[in-house]
Amino acid sequence: MAQSYAYLDNAGILHLHPLESEAAKHGKYVGTNLAYDESGFPIIGGEGVIYYPNEGTAYIKGNKARGQSIAVPNVLKQLADQLK
């Protein structure tokens, strides 16, 4: 059983939610075993990652305006591909 459900929000940002019913409100969603932070962003390497699949960019410690750019983890690419 998945511990969370992944979906893309209105801006195309990847989010995770513990309730399937909440993820379903955003359209297509998929179950995952990824952990998430208090804002619903996937945790990779101990950090919440804000991933913009449409732009192919990911950030830690903030969003694209304030965060630190990182290489997009493959697990997030694969997850986002399932949501297209």
PDB file of N, CA and C in Angstrom:
ATOM      1  N   MET A   1       0.842  -1.194   0.000  1.00  0.00           N
ATOM      2  CA  MET A   1       0.000   0.000   0.000  1.00  0.00           C
ATOM      3  C   MET A   1       0.879   1.246   0.000  1.00  0.00           C
ATOM      4  N   ALA A   2       0.532   2.210  -0.812  1.00  0.00           N
ATOM      5  CA  ALA A   2       1.313   3.440  -0.924  1.00  0.00           C
ATOM      6  C   ALA A   2       1.163   4.286   0.338  1.00  0.00           C
ATOM      7  N   GLN A   3       2.230   4.965   0.696  1.00  0.00           N
ATOM      8  CA  GLN A   3       2.148   5.850   1.843  1.00  0.00           C
ATOM      9  C   GLN A   3       1.716   7.255   1.436  1.00  0.00           C
ATOM     10  N   SER A   4       1.760   7.530   0.126  1.00  0.00           N
ATOM     11  CA  SER A   4       1.325   8.826  -0.362  1.00  0.00           C
ATOM     12  C   SER A   4       0.889   8.708  -1.818  1.00  0.00           C
ATOM     13  N   TYR A   5       0.292   9.788  -2.302  1.00  0.00           N
ATOM     14  CA  TYR A   5      -0.202   9.844  -3.675  1.00  0.00           C
ATOM     15  C   TYR A   5       0.359  11.101  -4.334  1.00  0.00           C
ATOM     16  N   ALA A   6       0.959  10.926  -5.490  1.00  0.00           N
ATOM     17  CA  ALA A   6       1.584  12.032  -6.208  1.00  0.00           C
ATOM     18  C   ALA A   6       0.617  12.613  -7.233  1.00  0.00           C
ATOM     19  N   TYR A   7       0.693  13.919  -7.395  1.00  0.00           N
ATOM     20  CA  TYR A   7      -0.104  14.628  -8.399  1.00  0.00           C
ATOM     21  C   TYR A   7       0.616  15.920  -8.767  1.00  0.00           C
ATOM     22  N   LEU A   8       0.201  16.520  -9.866  1.00  0.00           N
ATOM     23  CA  LEU A   8       0.721  17.818 -10.276  1.00  0.00           C
ATOM     24  C   LEU A   8      -0.320  18.880  -9.968  1.00  0.00           C
ATOM     25  N   ASP A   9       0.111  19.972  -9.330  1.00  0.00           N
ATOM     26  CA  ASP A   9      -0.837  21.039  -9.005  1.00  0.00           C
ATOM     27  C   ASP A   9      -1.100  21.918 -10.228  1.00  0.00           C
ATOM     28  N   ASN A  10      -1.860  22.985 -10.050  1.00  0.00           N
ATOM     29  CA  ASN A  10      -2.245  23.879 -11.155  1.00  0.00           C
ATOM     30  C   ASN A  10      -1.039  24.469 -11.874  1.00  0.00           C
ATOM     31  N   ALA A  11       0.054  24.679 -11.147  1.00  0.00           N
ATOM     32  CA  ALA A  11       1.266  25.259 -11.732  1.00  0.00           C
ATOM     33  C   ALA A  11       2.198  24.187 -12.284  1.00  0.00           C
ATOM     34  N   GLY A  12       1.806  22.916 -12.189  1.00  0.00           N
ATOM     35  CA  GLY A  12       2.626  21.833 -12.705  1.00  0.00           C
ATOM     36  C   GLY A  12       3.696  21.350 -11.745  1.00  0.00           C
ATOM     37  N   ILE A  13       3.599  21.699 -10.466  1.00  0.00           N
ATOM     38  CA  ILE A  13       4.576  21.297  -9.454  1.00  0.00           C
ATOM     39  C   ILE A  13       4.148  19.962  -8.849  1.00  0.00           C
ATOM     40  N   LEU A  14       5.113  19.067  -8.671  1.00  0.00           N
ATOM     41  CA  LEU A  14       4.840  17.748  -8.101  1.00  0.00           C
ATOM     42  C   LEU A  14       4.593  17.855  -6.604  1.00  0.00           C
ATOM     43  N   HIS A  15       3.486  17.270  -6.157  1.00  0.00           N
ATOM     44  CA  HIS A  15       3.132  17.228  -4.733  1.00  0.00           C
ATOM     45  C   HIS A  15       2.781  15.804  -4.344  1.00  0.00           C
ATOM     46  N   LEU A  16       2.877  15.528  -3.037  1.00  0.00           N
ATOM     47  CA  LEU A  16       2.445  14.250  -2.480  1.00  0.00           C
ATOM     48  C   LEU A  16       1.439  14.518  -1.376  1.00  0.00           C
ATOM     49  N   HIS A  17       0.469  13.637  -1.242  1.00  0.00           N
ATOM     50  CA  HIS A  17      -0.548  13.773  -0.195  1.00  0.00           C
ATOM     51  C   HIS A  17      -0.859  12.391   0.358  1.00  0.00           C
ATOM     52  N   PRO A  18      -1.114  12.289   1.654  1.00  0.00           N
ATOM     53  CA  PRO A  18      -1.398  10.978   2.238  1.00  0.00           C
ATOM     54  C   PRO A  18      -2.776  10.420   1.879  1.00  0.00           C
ATOM     55  N   LEU A  19      -3.700  11.282   1.476  1.00  0.00           N
ATOM     56  CA  LEU A  19      -5.060  10.833   1.178  1.00  0.00           C
ATOM     57  C   LEU A  19      -5.305  10.751  -0.324  1.00  0.00           C
ATOM     58  N   GLU A  20      -5.710   9.587  -0.767  1.00  0.00           N
ATOM     59  CA  GLU A  20      -6.001   9.389  -2.174  1.00  0.00           C
ATOM     60  C   GLU A  20      -7.097  10.336  -2.646  1.00  0.00           C
ATOM     61  N   SER A  21      -8.098  10.555  -1.806  1.00  0.00           N
ATOM     62  CA  SER A  21      -9.213  11.420  -2.185  1.00  0.00           C
ATOM     63  C   SER A  21      -8.762  12.855  -2.444  1.00  0.00           C
ATOM     64  N   GLU A  22      -7.771  13.330  -1.710  1.00  0.00           N
ATOM     65  CA  GLU A  22      -7.259  14.687  -1.928  1.00  0.00           C
ATOM     66  C   GLU A  22      -6.440  14.762  -3.208  1.00  0.00           C
ATOM     67  N   ALA A  23      -5.619  13.760  -3.457  1.00  0.00           N
ATOM     68  CA  ALA A  23      -4.825  13.734  -4.684  1.00  0.00           C
ATOM     69  C   ALA A  23      -5.737  13.663  -5.905  1.00  0.00           C
ATOM     70  N   ALA A  24      -6.831  12.916  -5.796  1.00  0.00           N
ATOM     71  CA  ALA A  24      -7.764  12.738  -6.908  1.00  0.00           C
ATOM     72  C   ALA A  24      -8.416  14.057  -7.325  1.00  0.00           C
ATOM     73  N   LYS A  25      -8.502  15.008  -6.422  1.00  0.00           N
ATOM     74  CA  LYS A  25      -9.093  16.310  -6.733  1.00  0.00           C
ATOM     75  C   LYS A  25      -8.284  17.073  -7.780  1.00  0.00           C
ATOM     76  N   HIS A  26      -7.038  16.664  -7.983  1.00  0.00           N
ATOM     77  CA  HIS A  26      -6.145  17.355  -8.912  1.00  0.00           C
ATOM     78  C   HIS A  26      -6.041  16.640 -10.251  1.00  0.00           C
ATOM     79  N   GLY A  27      -6.894  15.657 -10.471  1.00  0.00           N
ATOM     80  CA  GLY A  27      -6.866  14.913 -11.727  1.00  0.00           C
ATOM     81  C   GLY A  27      -6.072  13.633 -11.584  1.00  0.00           C
ATOM     82  N   LYS A  28      -5.198  13.390 -12.523  1.00  0.00           N
ATOM     83  CA  LYS A  28      -4.416  12.165 -12.517  1.00  0.00           C
ATOM     84  C   LYS A  28      -3.476  12.131 -11.308  1.00  0.00           C
ATOM     85  N   TYR A  29      -3.369  10.960 -10.694  1.00  0.00           N
ATOM     86  CA  TYR A  29      -2.481  10.782  -9.547  1.00  0.00           C
ATOM     87  C   TYR A  29      -1.968   9.356  -9.552  1.00  0.00           C
ATOM     88  N   VAL A  30      -0.916   9.124  -8.780  1.00  0.00           N
ATOM     89  CA  VAL A  30      -0.317   7.801  -8.714  1.00  0.00           C
ATOM     90  C   VAL A  30       0.198   7.559  -7.292  1.00  0.00           C
ATOM     91  N   GLY A  31       0.072   6.319  -6.814  1.00  0.00           N
ATOM     92  CA  GLY A  31       0.573   5.965  -5.492  1.00  0.00           C
ATOM     93  C   GLY A  31       2.080   5.814  -5.504  1.00  0.00           C
ATOM     94  N   THR A  32       2.703   6.167  -4.390  1.00  0.00           N
ATOM     95  CA  THR A  32       4.157   6.080  -4.261  1.00  0.00           C
ATOM     96  C   THR A  32       4.539   5.799  -2.812  1.00  0.00           C
ATOM     97  N   ASN A  33       5.742   5.315  -2.625  1.00  0.00           N
ATOM     98  CA  ASN A  33       6.272   5.093  -1.282  1.00  0.00           C
ATOM     99  C   ASN A  33       7.212   6.202  -0.852  1.00  0.00           C
ATOM    100  N   LEU A  34       7.299   7.269  -1.643  1.00  0.00           N
ATOM    101  CA  LEU A  34       8.161   8.391  -1.273  1.00  0.00           C
ATOM    102  C   LEU A  34       7.602   9.109  -0.055  1.00  0.00           C
ATOM    103  N   ALA A  35       8.492   9.542   0.808  1.00  0.00           N
ATOM    104  CA  ALA A  35       8.108  10.369   1.954  1.00  0.00           C
ATOM    105  C   ALA A  35       7.953  11.810   1.464  1.00  0.00           C
ATOM    106  N   TYR A  36       7.295  12.628   2.260  1.00  0.00           N
ATOM    107  CA  TYR A  36       7.059  14.011   1.882  1.00  0.00           C
ATOM    108  C   TYR A  36       7.210  14.904   3.101  1.00  0.00           C
ATOM    109  N   ASP A  37       7.495  16.195   2.846  1.00  0.00           N
ATOM    110  CA  ASP A  37       7.646  17.138   3.950  1.00  0.00           C
ATOM    111  C   ASP A  37       6.291  17.764   4.294  1.00  0.00           C
ATOM    112  N   GLU A  38       6.296  18.700   5.230  1.00  0.00           N
ATOM    113  CA  GLU A  38       5.053  19.308   5.706  1.00  0.00           C
ATOM    114  C   GLU A  38       4.326  20.112   4.625  1.00  0.00           C
ATOM    115  N   SER A  39       5.027  20.471   3.559  1.00  0.00           N
ATOM    116  CA  SER A  39       4.403  21.196   2.452  1.00  0.00           C
ATOM    117  C   SER A  39       3.928  20.280   1.329  1.00  0.00           C
ATOM    118  N   GLY A  40       4.155  18.971   1.481  1.00  0.00           N
ATOM    119  CA  GLY A  40       3.723  18.018   0.467  1.00  0.00           C
ATOM    120  C   GLY A  40       4.725  17.796  -0.653  1.00  0.00           C
ATOM    121  N   PHE A  41       5.973  18.220  -0.447  1.00  0.00           N
ATOM    122  CA  PHE A  41       7.008  18.002  -1.449  1.00  0.00           C
ATOM    123  C   PHE A  41       7.765  16.721  -1.132  1.00  0.00           C
ATOM    124  N   PRO A  42       8.147  15.965  -2.158  1.00  0.00           N
ATOM    125  CA  PRO A  42       8.866  14.715  -1.927  1.00  0.00           C
ATOM    126  C   PRO A  42      10.206  14.963  -1.230  1.00  0.00           C
ATOM    127  N   ILE A  43      10.569  14.063  -0.344  1.00  0.00           N
ATOM    128  CA  ILE A  43      11.852  14.151   0.342  1.00  0.00           C
ATOM    129  C   ILE A  43      12.836  13.223  -0.349  1.00  0.00           C
ATOM    130  N   ILE A  44      13.932  13.798  -0.802  1.00  0.00           N
ATOM    131  CA  ILE A  44      15.016  13.066  -1.435  1.00  0.00           C
ATOM    132  C   ILE A  44      16.303  13.455  -0.710  1.00  0.00           C
ATOM    133  N   GLY A  45      17.032  12.479  -0.199  1.00  0.00           N
ATOM    134  CA  GLY A  45      18.279  12.781   0.504  1.00  0.00           C
ATOM    135  C   GLY A  45      18.091  13.669   1.714  1.00  0.00           C
ATOM    136  N   GLY A  46      16.950  13.516   2.387  1.00  0.00           N
ATOM    137  CA  GLY A  46      16.683  14.290   3.596  1.00  0.00           C
ATOM    138  C   GLY A  46      16.170  15.696   3.376  1.00  0.00           C
ATOM    139  N   GLU A  47      15.973  16.089   2.136  1.00  0.00           N
ATOM    140  CA  GLU A  47      15.504  17.443   1.816  1.00  0.00           C
ATOM    141  C   GLU A  47      14.207  17.392   1.013  1.00  0.00           C
ATOM    142  N   GLY A  48      13.313  18.324   1.297  1.00  0.00           N
ATOM    143  CA  GLY A  48      12.125  18.483   0.475  1.00  0.00           C
ATOM    144  C   GLY A  48      12.541  19.040  -0.879  1.00  0.00           C
ATOM    145  N   VAL A  49      12.044  18.439  -1.950  1.00  0.00           N
ATOM    146  CA  VAL A  49      12.421  18.848  -3.304  1.00  0.00           C
ATOM    147  C   VAL A  49      11.195  19.399  -4.033  1.00  0.00           C
ATOM    148  N   ILE A  50      11.327  20.617  -4.515  1.00  0.00           N
ATOM    149  CA  ILE A  50      10.280  21.213  -5.334  1.00  0.00           C
ATOM    150  C   ILE A  50      10.664  20.937  -6.785  1.00  0.00           C
ATOM    151  N   TYR A  51       9.836  20.138  -7.453  1.00  0.00           N
ATOM    152  CA  TYR A  51      10.137  19.694  -8.814  1.00  0.00           C
ATOM    153  C   TYR A  51       9.107  20.249  -9.783  1.00  0.00           C
ATOM    154  N   TYR A  52       9.618  20.900 -10.821  1.00  0.00           N
ATOM    155  CA  TYR A  52       8.809  21.453 -11.900  1.00  0.00           C
ATOM    156  C   TYR A  52       9.019  20.579 -13.137  1.00  0.00           C
ATOM    157  N   PRO A  53       8.224  19.521 -13.320  1.00  0.00           N
ATOM    158  CA  PRO A  53       8.439  18.602 -14.439  1.00  0.00           C
ATOM    159  C   PRO A  53       8.388  19.268 -15.814  1.00  0.00           C
ATOM    160  N   ASN A  54       7.515  20.234 -15.994  1.00  0.00           N
ATOM    161  CA  ASN A  54       7.395  20.891 -17.300  1.00  0.00           C
ATOM    162  C   ASN A  54       8.641  21.691 -17.655  1.00  0.00           C
ATOM    163  N   GLU A  55       9.387  22.112 -16.634  1.00  0.00           N
ATOM    164  CA  GLU A  55      10.605  22.881 -16.854  1.00  0.00           C
ATOM    165  C   GLU A  55      11.858  22.015 -16.723  1.00  0.00           C
ATOM    166  N   GLY A  56      11.702  20.820 -16.149  1.00  0.00           N
ATOM    167  CA  GLY A  56      12.844  19.939 -15.945  1.00  0.00           C
ATOM    168  C   GLY A  56      13.807  20.440 -14.889  1.00  0.00           C
ATOM    169  N   THR A  57      13.270  21.162 -13.884  1.00  0.00           N
ATOM    170  CA  THR A  57      14.115  21.711 -12.829  1.00  0.00           C
ATOM    171  C   THR A  57      13.631  21.265 -11.456  1.00  0.00           C
ATOM    172  N   ALA A  58      14.569  21.210 -10.511  1.00  0.00           N
ATOM    173  CA  ALA A  58      14.249  20.844  -9.137  1.00  0.00           C
ATOM    174  C   ALA A  58      15.071  21.720  -8.192  1.00  0.00           C
ATOM    175  N   TYR A  59      14.487  21.998  -7.025  1.00  0.00           N
ATOM    176  CA  TYR A  59      15.126  22.888  -6.057  1.00  0.00           C
ATOM    177  C   TYR A  59      14.952  22.347  -4.646  1.00  0.00           C
ATOM    178  N   ILE A  60      15.943  22.629  -3.810  1.00  0.00           N
ATOM    179  CA  ILE A  60      15.826  22.364  -2.381  1.00  0.00           C
ATOM    180  C   ILE A  60      15.922  23.697  -1.657  1.00  0.00           C
ATOM    181  N   LYS A  61      15.456  23.722  -0.429  1.00  0.00           N
ATOM    182  CA  LYS A  61      15.516  24.923   0.417  1.00  0.00           C
ATOM    183  C   LYS A  61      14.811  26.113  -0.211  1.00  0.00           C
ATOM    184  N   GLY A  62      13.722  25.850  -0.934  1.00  0.00           N
ATOM    185  CA  GLY A  62      12.937  26.920  -1.534  1.00  0.00           C
ATOM    186  C   GLY A  62      12.512  26.581  -2.942  1.00  0.00           C
ATOM    187  N   ASN A  63      11.755  27.495  -3.529  1.00  0.00           N
ATOM    188  CA  ASN A  63      11.263  27.280  -4.895  1.00  0.00           C
ATOM    189  C   ASN A  63      12.246  27.859  -5.913  1.00  0.00           C
ATOM    190  N   LYS A  64      11.816  27.962  -7.160  1.00  0.00           N
ATOM    191  CA  LYS A  64      12.747  28.423  -8.199  1.00  0.00           C
ATOM    192  C   LYS A  64      13.204  29.863  -7.985  1.00  0.00           C
ATOM    193  N   ALA A  65      12.458  30.635  -7.224  1.00  0.00           N
ATOM    194  CA  ALA A  65      12.861  32.022  -6.963  1.00  0.00           C
ATOM    195  C   ALA A  65      13.897  32.122  -5.839  1.00  0.00           C
ATOM    196  N   ARG A  66      13.837  31.183  -4.874  1.00  0.00           N
ATOM    197  CA  ARG A  66      14.700  31.307  -3.701  1.00  0.00           C
ATOM    198  C   ARG A  66      15.513  30.058  -3.376  1.00  0.00           C
ATOM    199  N   GLY A  67      15.220  28.958  -4.040  1.00  0.00           N
ATOM    200  CA  GLY A  67      15.861  27.698  -3.680  1.00  0.00           C
ATOM    201  C   GLY A  67      17.195  27.466  -4.360  1.00  0.00           C
ATOM    202  N   GLN A  68      17.799  26.343  -3.980  1.00  0.00           N
ATOM    203  CA  GLN A  68      19.063  25.904  -4.564  1.00  0.00           C
ATOM    204  C   GLN A  68      18.762  24.866  -5.632  1.00  0.00           C
ATOM    205  N   SER A  69      19.175  25.139  -6.854  1.00  0.00           N
ATOM    206  CA  SER A  69      18.928  24.236  -7.970  1.00  0.00           C
ATOM    207  C   SER A  69      19.747  22.959  -7.792  1.00  0.00           C
ATOM    208  N   ILE A  70      19.106  21.811  -8.075  1.00  0.00           N
ATOM    209  CA  ILE A  70      19.784  20.519  -8.015  1.00  0.00           C
ATOM    210  C   ILE A  70      19.470  19.733  -9.278  1.00  0.00           C
ATOM    211  N   ALA A  71      20.253  18.701  -9.521  1.00  0.00           N
ATOM    212  CA  ALA A  71      19.941  17.781 -10.617  1.00  0.00           C
ATOM    213  C   ALA A  71      18.650  17.068 -10.254  1.00  0.00           C
ATOM    214  N   VAL A  72      17.773  16.886 -11.215  1.00  0.00           N
ATOM    215  CA  VAL A  72      16.489  16.243 -10.953  1.00  0.00           C
ATOM    216  C   VAL A  72      16.716  14.754 -10.672  1.00  0.00           C
ATOM    217  N   PRO A  73      16.291  14.295  -9.478  1.00  0.00           N
ATOM    218  CA  PRO A  73      16.425  12.873  -9.160  1.00  0.00           C
ATOM    219  C   PRO A  73      15.596  12.017 -10.118  1.00  0.00           C
ATOM    220  N   ASN A  74      16.158  10.907 -10.570  1.00  0.00           N
ATOM    221  CA  ASN A  74      15.473  10.019 -11.513  1.00  0.00           C
ATOM    222  C   ASN A  74      14.122   9.552 -11.002  1.00  0.00           C
ATOM    223  N   VAL A  75      14.026   9.297  -9.704  1.00  0.00           N
ATOM    224  CA  VAL A  75      12.760   8.809  -9.151  1.00  0.00           C
ATOM    225  C   VAL A  75      11.650   9.837  -9.369  1.00  0.00           C
ATOM    226  N   LEU A  76      11.979  11.121  -9.321  1.00  0.00           N
ATOM    227  CA  LEU A  76      10.967  12.156  -9.551  1.00  0.00           C
ATOM    228  C   LEU A  76      10.609  12.253 -11.030  1.00  0.00           C
ATOM    229  N   LYS A  77      11.596  12.089 -11.902  1.00  0.00           N
ATOM    230  CA  LYS A  77      11.315  12.084 -13.336  1.00  0.00           C
ATOM    231  C   LYS A  77      10.359  10.947 -13.684  1.00  0.00           C
ATOM    232  N   GLN A  78      10.641   9.776 -13.135  1.00  0.00           N
ATOM    233  CA  GLN A  78       9.809   8.608 -13.412  1.00  0.00           C
ATOM    234  C   GLN A  78       8.386   8.799 -12.888  1.00  0.00           C
ATOM    235  N   LEU A  79       8.273   9.377 -11.716  1.00  0.00           N
ATOM    236  CA  LEU A  79       6.969   9.629 -11.121  1.00  0.00           C
ATOM    237  C   LEU A  79       6.165  10.605 -11.972  1.00  0.00           C
ATOM    238  N   ALA A  80       6.803  11.694 -12.370  1.00  0.00           N
ATOM    239  CA  ALA A  80       6.129  12.703 -13.193  1.00  0.00           C
ATOM    240  C   ALA A  80       5.722  12.129 -14.540  1.00  0.00           C
ATOM    241  N   ASP A  81       6.543  11.245 -15.108  1.00  0.00           N
ATOM    242  CA  ASP A  81       6.191  10.620 -16.391  1.00  0.00           C
ATOM    243  C   ASP A  81       4.900   9.818 -16.275  1.00  0.00           C
ATOM    244  N   GLN A  82       4.669   9.223 -15.121  1.00  0.00           N
ATOM    245  CA  GLN A  82       3.441   8.449 -14.902  1.00  0.00           C
ATOM    246  C   GLN A  82       2.219   9.368 -14.815  1.00  0.00           C
ATOM    247  N   LEU A  83       2.428  10.631 -14.528  1.00  0.00           N
ATOM    248  CA  LEU A  83       1.314  11.574 -14.361  1.00  0.00           C
ATOM    249  C   LEU A  83       0.953  12.292 -15.658  1.00  0.00           C
ATOM    250  N   LYS A  84       1.721  12.071 -16.697  1.00  0.00           N
ATOM    251  CA  LYS A  84       1.439  12.744 -17.987  1.00  0.00           C
ATOM    252  C   LYS A  84       0.364  12.030 -18.751  1.00  0.00           C
TER     253      LYS A  84
END
